[in-house]
Amino acid sequence: MAGQDGLVVARTLAGTPAYDLRLADGRVVKYAAETDFEVVEPGDAPRGARPSSSPNSSSDRPRD
């Protein structure tokens, strides 16, 4: 996964935390350990990176 952009889409809460990641190319990596990826804070995102949408944005709501 090195050098790839992605988004955490799920997290387990039991035992050792594990994460499901959606990579920029569309692949999903299931049960990745936190040590498998680098967390990038919003202010540290590479130039041109798309910011994550807010939880209440209209793009997240189902369409009629």
Protein backbone atom coordinates (compact mmCIF):
# COMPACT_ATOMS: atom_id res chain seq x y z
CA MET A 1 0.00 0.00 0.00
CA ALA A 2 3.01 2.27 0.13
CA GLY A 3 2.68 5.45 -1.90
CA GLN A 4 -1.06 5.09 -2.48
CA ASP A 5 -3.85 7.42 -1.39
CA GLY A 6 -6.85 5.96 0.35
CA LEU A 7 -9.68 6.51 2.79
CA VAL A 8 -10.61 4.61 5.94
CA VAL A 9 -14.12 3.25 5.36
CA ALA A 10 -14.52 1.01 8.44
CA ARG A 11 -12.87 0.20 11.76
CA THR A 12 -13.20 -2.79 14.06
CA LEU A 13 -13.59 -2.07 17.75
CA ALA A 14 -12.91 -5.50 19.24
CA GLY A 15 -9.41 -6.63 20.12
CA THR A 16 -6.64 -5.04 18.09
CA PRO A 17 -8.03 -2.21 15.94
CA ALA A 18 -8.15 -3.02 12.22
CA TYR A 19 -9.27 -0.82 9.35
CA ASP A 20 -10.85 -1.30 5.93
CA LEU A 21 -9.30 1.10 3.43
CA ARG A 22 -10.58 2.18 0.02
CA LEU A 23 -7.60 2.99 -2.17
CA ALA A 24 -7.69 5.69 -4.84
CA ASP A 25 -7.75 3.03 -7.58
CA GLY A 26 -10.97 1.55 -6.13
CA ARG A 27 -9.52 -1.50 -4.40
CA VAL A 28 -10.55 -2.22 -0.80
CA VAL A 29 -8.02 -3.50 1.72
CA LYS A 30 -9.72 -5.27 4.62
CA TYR A 31 -8.40 -5.56 8.17
CA ALA A 32 -5.30 -3.39 7.71
CA ALA A 33 -3.33 -2.68 10.87
CA GLU A 34 -2.65 0.94 11.74
CA THR A 35 1.04 0.21 11.16
CA ASP A 36 0.23 -0.64 7.51
CA PHE A 37 -0.54 2.97 6.59
CA GLU A 38 0.45 6.57 7.27
CA VAL A 39 -2.19 8.91 8.65
CA VAL A 40 -2.20 12.28 6.91
CA GLU A 41 -3.84 15.13 8.80
CA PRO A 42 -6.17 17.39 6.77
CA GLY A 43 -3.68 20.29 6.75
CA ASP A 44 -0.90 17.95 5.58
CA ALA A 45 -2.75 16.53 2.55
CA PRO A 46 -0.81 16.69 -0.71
CA ARG A 47 -1.61 19.58 -3.02
CA GLY A 48 -4.58 18.71 -5.20
CA ALA A 49 -5.90 16.12 -2.77
CA ARG A 50 -9.65 16.08 -2.42
CA PRO A 51 -10.79 16.97 1.11
CA SER A 52 -13.18 14.57 2.75
CA SER A 53 -16.79 15.70 2.79
CA SER A 54 -18.53 16.56 6.01
CA PRO A 55 -20.83 13.88 7.47
CA ASN A 56 -23.86 16.04 6.70
CA SER A 57 -22.99 17.08 3.17
CA SER A 58 -25.66 16.71 0.52
CA SER A 59 -23.46 14.31 -1.47
CA ASP A 60 -23.73 11.77 1.39
CA ARG A 61 -27.53 11.82 1.48
CA PRO A 62 -29.61 9.41 -0.57
CA ARG A 63 -31.21 10.95 -3.62
CA ASP A 64 -34.96 10.92 -4.14
